[in-house]
């Protein structure tokens, strides 16, 4: 899932480069080919993604990485709470919701 997100982000960067170059051709070198390279390193057990988009500024990186990190933490907390609620609900007896006849009579008036 993580690798898919990185590739998707790289692709979005290439799209942004392409669109920005329509209004400002100087943003994209004419000889520059838009591409994403995935370079495996079996010695270090790593994959390196290299893309030729316009990239992100340092503030962009800080803002976007912080947002992704916060979202991940929020998702993890939500999953933990759901698991805890599920566990607690299994321990409680099931209660059937039954309406009394008196409620039915009062609704007719």
N, C-alpha and C. Protein backbone atom coordinates (compact mmCIF):
# COMPACT_ATOMS: atom_id res chain seq x y z
N UNK A 1 0.82 -1.19 0.00
CA UNK A 1 0.00 0.00 0.00
C UNK A 1 0.87 1.26 0.00
N UNK A 2 1.94 1.21 0.78
CA UNK A 2 2.83 2.37 0.87
C UNK A 2 3.48 2.67 -0.48
N UNK A 3 3.95 1.63 -1.17
CA UNK A 3 4.60 1.80 -2.47
C UNK A 3 3.60 2.36 -3.48
N UNK A 4 2.37 1.87 -3.43
CA UNK A 4 1.33 2.36 -4.33
C UNK A 4 1.12 3.86 -4.12
N UNK A 5 1.11 4.30 -2.88
CA UNK A 5 0.92 5.72 -2.57
C UNK A 5 2.08 6.55 -3.11
N UNK A 6 3.30 6.05 -2.97
CA UNK A 6 4.47 6.78 -3.49
C UNK A 6 4.40 6.92 -5.01
N UNK A 7 4.05 5.84 -5.68
CA UNK A 7 3.95 5.87 -7.14
C UNK A 7 2.82 6.80 -7.57
N UNK A 8 1.71 6.75 -6.88
CA UNK A 8 0.58 7.63 -7.18
C UNK A 8 0.97 9.10 -7.02
N UNK A 9 1.69 9.41 -5.94
CA UNK A 9 2.15 10.78 -5.72
C UNK A 9 3.11 11.23 -6.81
N UNK A 10 4.00 10.33 -7.23
CA UNK A 10 4.94 10.66 -8.30
C UNK A 10 4.18 10.93 -9.60
N UNK A 11 3.18 10.12 -9.87
CA UNK A 11 2.36 10.32 -11.07
C UNK A 11 1.62 11.65 -11.01
N UNK A 12 1.10 12.00 -9.84
CA UNK A 12 0.43 13.29 -9.67
C UNK A 12 1.41 14.44 -9.94
N UNK A 13 2.65 14.28 -9.52
CA UNK A 13 3.67 15.29 -9.78
C UNK A 13 3.94 15.46 -11.26
N UNK A 14 3.96 14.35 -11.99
CA UNK A 14 4.14 14.42 -13.44
C UNK A 14 2.96 15.12 -14.10
N UNK A 15 1.76 14.80 -13.65
CA UNK A 15 0.56 15.47 -14.18
C UNK A 15 0.63 16.97 -13.93
N UNK A 16 1.05 17.35 -12.72
CA UNK A 16 1.15 18.77 -12.37
C UNK A 16 2.16 19.46 -13.27
N UNK A 17 3.29 18.81 -13.52
CA UNK A 17 4.31 19.38 -14.41
C UNK A 17 3.73 19.62 -15.80
N UNK A 18 3.00 18.65 -16.28
CA UNK A 18 2.41 18.74 -17.62
C UNK A 18 1.41 19.89 -17.69
N UNK A 19 0.51 19.98 -16.71
CA UNK A 19 -0.49 21.05 -16.71
C UNK A 19 0.14 22.42 -16.53
N UNK A 20 1.11 22.54 -15.63
CA UNK A 20 1.77 23.82 -15.41
C UNK A 20 2.51 24.29 -16.66
N UNK A 21 3.04 23.35 -17.43
CA UNK A 21 3.80 23.73 -18.63
C UNK A 21 2.88 24.26 -19.73
N UNK A 22 1.58 23.99 -19.64
CA UNK A 22 0.65 24.52 -20.64
C UNK A 22 0.54 26.04 -20.53
N UNK A 23 0.60 26.58 -19.31
CA UNK A 23 0.52 28.03 -19.12
C UNK A 23 1.89 28.68 -19.00
N UNK A 24 2.89 27.91 -18.60
CA UNK A 24 4.25 28.44 -18.46
C UNK A 24 5.23 27.39 -18.98
N UNK A 25 5.52 27.42 -20.29
CA UNK A 25 6.39 26.40 -20.89
C UNK A 25 7.78 26.31 -20.27
N UNK A 26 8.22 27.36 -19.59
CA UNK A 26 9.56 27.33 -18.98
C UNK A 26 9.62 26.36 -17.80
N UNK A 27 8.47 25.95 -17.28
CA UNK A 27 8.45 25.03 -16.14
C UNK A 27 8.81 23.60 -16.54
N UNK A 28 8.81 23.34 -17.84
CA UNK A 28 9.14 21.99 -18.29
C UNK A 28 10.16 22.10 -19.41
N UNK A 29 11.34 21.52 -19.19
CA UNK A 29 12.36 21.52 -20.23
C UNK A 29 11.83 20.78 -21.45
N UNK A 30 12.09 21.33 -22.63
CA UNK A 30 11.60 20.70 -23.85
C UNK A 30 12.17 19.30 -24.04
N UNK A 31 13.41 19.08 -23.69
CA UNK A 31 14.03 17.78 -23.88
C UNK A 31 13.80 16.81 -22.73
N UNK A 32 13.14 17.28 -21.70
CA UNK A 32 12.95 16.47 -20.50
C UNK A 32 11.77 15.51 -20.70
N UNK A 33 12.04 14.23 -20.50
CA UNK A 33 10.99 13.23 -20.63
C UNK A 33 10.36 12.99 -19.26
N UNK A 34 9.03 13.06 -19.21
CA UNK A 34 8.34 12.80 -17.95
C UNK A 34 8.32 11.30 -17.70
N UNK A 35 8.87 10.88 -16.57
CA UNK A 35 8.93 9.45 -16.28
C UNK A 35 9.11 9.20 -14.79
N UNK A 36 8.81 7.96 -14.41
CA UNK A 36 9.05 7.49 -13.04
C UNK A 36 9.94 6.27 -13.16
N UNK A 37 11.10 6.31 -12.52
CA UNK A 37 12.00 5.16 -12.48
C UNK A 37 11.92 4.52 -11.10
N UNK A 38 11.79 3.20 -11.07
CA UNK A 38 11.83 2.46 -9.81
C UNK A 38 13.11 1.63 -9.84
N UNK A 39 14.03 1.97 -8.95
CA UNK A 39 15.36 1.36 -8.97
C UNK A 39 15.52 0.45 -7.75
N UNK A 40 15.59 -0.87 -7.98
CA UNK A 40 15.77 -1.79 -6.86
C UNK A 40 17.25 -1.88 -6.46
N UNK A 41 17.50 -2.06 -5.17
CA UNK A 41 18.84 -2.32 -4.67
C UNK A 41 18.75 -3.54 -3.77
N UNK A 42 19.11 -4.69 -4.31
CA UNK A 42 18.98 -5.94 -3.55
C UNK A 42 19.98 -6.02 -2.40
N UNK A 43 21.10 -5.33 -2.51
CA UNK A 43 22.10 -5.34 -1.45
C UNK A 43 21.56 -4.66 -0.18
N UNK A 44 20.89 -3.50 -0.38
CA UNK A 44 20.35 -2.75 0.75
C UNK A 44 18.87 -3.05 1.01
N UNK A 45 18.28 -3.89 0.17
CA UNK A 45 16.84 -4.21 0.28
C UNK A 45 15.99 -2.94 0.22
N UNK A 46 16.26 -2.10 -0.80
CA UNK A 46 15.52 -0.86 -0.95
C UNK A 46 15.00 -0.70 -2.38
N UNK A 47 14.00 0.13 -2.51
CA UNK A 47 13.52 0.60 -3.81
C UNK A 47 13.64 2.11 -3.80
N UNK A 48 14.17 2.68 -4.88
CA UNK A 48 14.28 4.12 -5.00
C UNK A 48 13.39 4.58 -6.13
N UNK A 49 12.52 5.55 -5.86
CA UNK A 49 11.67 6.13 -6.89
C UNK A 49 12.26 7.45 -7.32
N UNK A 50 12.46 7.61 -8.62
CA UNK A 50 12.99 8.85 -9.17
C UNK A 50 12.01 9.30 -10.24
N UNK A 51 11.51 10.53 -10.10
CA UNK A 51 10.58 11.04 -11.10
C UNK A 51 11.05 12.41 -11.56
N UNK A 52 10.61 12.81 -12.74
CA UNK A 52 11.12 14.02 -13.37
C UNK A 52 10.12 15.18 -13.33
N UNK A 53 9.27 15.22 -12.32
CA UNK A 53 8.29 16.31 -12.25
C UNK A 53 8.94 17.56 -11.67
N UNK A 54 8.13 18.59 -11.46
CA UNK A 54 8.66 19.85 -10.94
C UNK A 54 8.99 19.76 -9.46
N UNK A 55 8.51 18.73 -8.80
CA UNK A 55 8.86 18.51 -7.40
C UNK A 55 8.05 19.37 -6.45
N UNK A 56 8.47 19.35 -5.20
CA UNK A 56 7.78 20.10 -4.15
C UNK A 56 8.80 20.98 -3.44
N UNK A 57 8.31 22.10 -2.95
CA UNK A 57 9.17 22.97 -2.15
C UNK A 57 9.26 22.40 -0.74
N UNK A 58 10.20 22.91 0.04
CA UNK A 58 10.34 22.43 1.42
C UNK A 58 9.05 22.65 2.21
N UNK A 59 8.40 23.83 2.12
CA UNK A 59 7.13 24.00 2.83
C UNK A 59 6.05 23.01 2.36
N UNK A 60 6.02 22.71 1.04
CA UNK A 60 5.07 21.72 0.53
C UNK A 60 5.31 20.36 1.19
N UNK A 61 6.57 19.97 1.25
CA UNK A 61 6.91 18.68 1.86
C UNK A 61 6.47 18.63 3.31
N UNK A 62 6.78 19.68 4.05
CA UNK A 62 6.43 19.72 5.48
C UNK A 62 4.92 19.65 5.65
N UNK A 63 4.20 20.46 4.89
CA UNK A 63 2.74 20.49 5.02
C UNK A 63 2.11 19.16 4.63
N UNK A 64 2.53 18.59 3.51
CA UNK A 64 1.91 17.36 3.02
C UNK A 64 2.31 16.14 3.82
N UNK A 65 3.56 16.04 4.22
CA UNK A 65 3.98 14.89 5.02
C UNK A 65 3.34 14.94 6.39
N UNK A 66 3.22 16.13 6.96
CA UNK A 66 2.57 16.26 8.26
C UNK A 66 1.10 15.86 8.15
N UNK A 67 0.45 16.27 7.09
CA UNK A 67 -0.96 15.92 6.88
C UNK A 67 -1.12 14.41 6.74
N UNK A 68 -0.26 13.77 5.96
CA UNK A 68 -0.33 12.31 5.79
C UNK A 68 -0.08 11.60 7.11
N UNK A 69 0.90 12.10 7.87
CA UNK A 69 1.20 11.48 9.16
C UNK A 69 0.04 11.61 10.13
N UNK A 70 -0.58 12.78 10.16
CA UNK A 70 -1.72 12.98 11.05
C UNK A 70 -2.89 12.10 10.63
N UNK A 71 -3.11 11.97 9.32
CA UNK A 71 -4.21 11.13 8.83
C UNK A 71 -3.95 9.68 9.23
N UNK A 72 -2.72 9.23 9.09
CA UNK A 72 -2.38 7.85 9.44
C UNK A 72 -2.62 7.60 10.92
N UNK A 73 -2.21 8.55 11.75
CA UNK A 73 -2.42 8.41 13.20
C UNK A 73 -3.91 8.38 13.50
N UNK A 74 -4.67 9.27 12.86
CA UNK A 74 -6.12 9.30 13.08
C UNK A 74 -6.77 7.99 12.67
N UNK A 75 -6.36 7.44 11.53
CA UNK A 75 -6.90 6.16 11.06
C UNK A 75 -6.57 5.05 12.05
N UNK A 76 -5.33 5.04 12.53
CA UNK A 76 -4.91 4.01 13.49
C UNK A 76 -5.71 4.11 14.78
N UNK A 77 -5.89 5.34 15.28
CA UNK A 77 -6.66 5.53 16.51
C UNK A 77 -8.10 5.08 16.32
N UNK A 78 -8.69 5.38 15.17
CA UNK A 78 -10.07 4.98 14.90
C UNK A 78 -10.19 3.46 14.87
N UNK A 79 -9.22 2.80 14.24
CA UNK A 79 -9.24 1.33 14.19
C UNK A 79 -9.09 0.73 15.58
N UNK A 80 -8.20 1.30 16.39
CA UNK A 80 -8.01 0.80 17.75
C UNK A 80 -9.29 0.97 18.58
N UNK A 81 -9.93 2.12 18.44
CA UNK A 81 -11.18 2.35 19.18
C UNK A 81 -12.27 1.38 18.73
N UNK A 82 -12.36 1.13 17.42
CA UNK A 82 -13.37 0.21 16.91
C UNK A 82 -13.11 -1.20 17.45
N UNK A 83 -11.86 -1.62 17.44
CA UNK A 83 -11.52 -2.94 17.97
C UNK A 83 -11.88 -3.03 19.46
N UNK A 84 -11.61 -1.98 20.21
CA UNK A 84 -11.95 -1.96 21.64
C UNK A 84 -13.46 -2.01 21.83
N UNK A 85 -14.19 -1.23 21.03
CA UNK A 85 -15.66 -1.25 21.12
C UNK A 85 -16.22 -2.62 20.77
N UNK A 86 -15.67 -3.24 19.72
CA UNK A 86 -16.12 -4.58 19.32
C UNK A 86 -15.88 -5.58 20.45
N UNK A 87 -14.72 -5.46 21.08
CA UNK A 87 -14.39 -6.37 22.19
C UNK A 87 -15.36 -6.16 23.35
N UNK A 88 -15.63 -4.90 23.68
CA UNK A 88 -16.55 -4.59 24.77
C UNK A 88 -17.97 -5.05 24.46
N UNK A 89 -18.38 -4.91 23.21
CA UNK A 89 -19.74 -5.31 22.82
C UNK A 89 -19.93 -6.81 22.88
N UNK A 90 -18.88 -7.57 22.65
CA UNK A 90 -18.98 -9.03 22.73
C UNK A 90 -19.21 -9.48 24.17
N UNK A 91 -18.69 -8.71 25.12
CA UNK A 91 -18.81 -9.06 26.53
C UNK A 91 -20.18 -8.70 27.10
N UNK A 92 -20.90 -7.79 26.46
CA UNK A 92 -22.20 -7.36 26.96
C UNK A 92 -23.29 -8.28 26.42
N UNK A 93 -24.33 -8.52 27.22
CA UNK A 93 -25.45 -9.32 26.71
C UNK A 93 -26.23 -8.51 25.68
N UNK A 94 -26.82 -9.21 24.73
CA UNK A 94 -27.63 -8.52 23.72
C UNK A 94 -28.95 -8.10 24.34
N UNK A 95 -29.40 -6.91 24.00
CA UNK A 95 -30.65 -6.37 24.52
C UNK A 95 -31.59 -6.14 23.35
N UNK A 96 -32.79 -6.67 23.46
CA UNK A 96 -33.77 -6.51 22.40
C UNK A 96 -34.60 -5.26 22.68
N UNK A 97 -34.82 -4.45 21.68
CA UNK A 97 -35.60 -3.23 21.82
C UNK A 97 -37.08 -3.58 21.63
N UNK A 98 -37.85 -3.51 22.71
CA UNK A 98 -39.27 -3.86 22.66
C UNK A 98 -40.07 -2.66 23.13
N UNK A 99 -41.04 -2.26 22.34
CA UNK A 99 -41.89 -1.12 22.71
C UNK A 99 -43.06 -1.63 23.53
N UNK A 100 -43.47 -0.83 24.50
CA UNK A 100 -44.61 -1.23 25.33
C UNK A 100 -45.92 -0.83 24.66
N UNK A 101 -47.02 -1.46 25.09
CA UNK A 101 -48.33 -1.14 24.54
C UNK A 101 -48.75 0.28 24.91
N UNK A 102 -48.32 0.76 26.06
CA UNK A 102 -48.68 2.11 26.50
C UNK A 102 -48.18 3.15 25.52
N UNK A 103 -46.99 2.97 24.99
CA UNK A 103 -46.46 3.91 24.02
C UNK A 103 -47.33 3.95 22.78
N UNK A 104 -47.84 2.79 22.36
CA UNK A 104 -48.69 2.74 21.19
C UNK A 104 -49.99 3.49 21.42
N UNK A 105 -50.57 3.38 22.65
CA UNK A 105 -51.82 4.06 22.97
C UNK A 105 -51.64 5.57 23.01
N UNK A 106 -50.53 6.04 23.53
CA UNK A 106 -50.31 7.48 23.63
C UNK A 106 -50.08 8.10 22.26
N UNK A 107 -49.54 7.35 21.34
CA UNK A 107 -49.29 7.91 20.02
C UNK A 107 -50.58 8.09 19.23
N UNK A 108 -51.65 7.39 19.63
CA UNK A 108 -52.94 7.52 18.94
C UNK A 108 -53.67 8.78 19.36
N UNK A 109 -53.37 9.30 20.54
CA UNK A 109 -54.09 10.48 21.06
C UNK A 109 -53.58 11.75 20.49
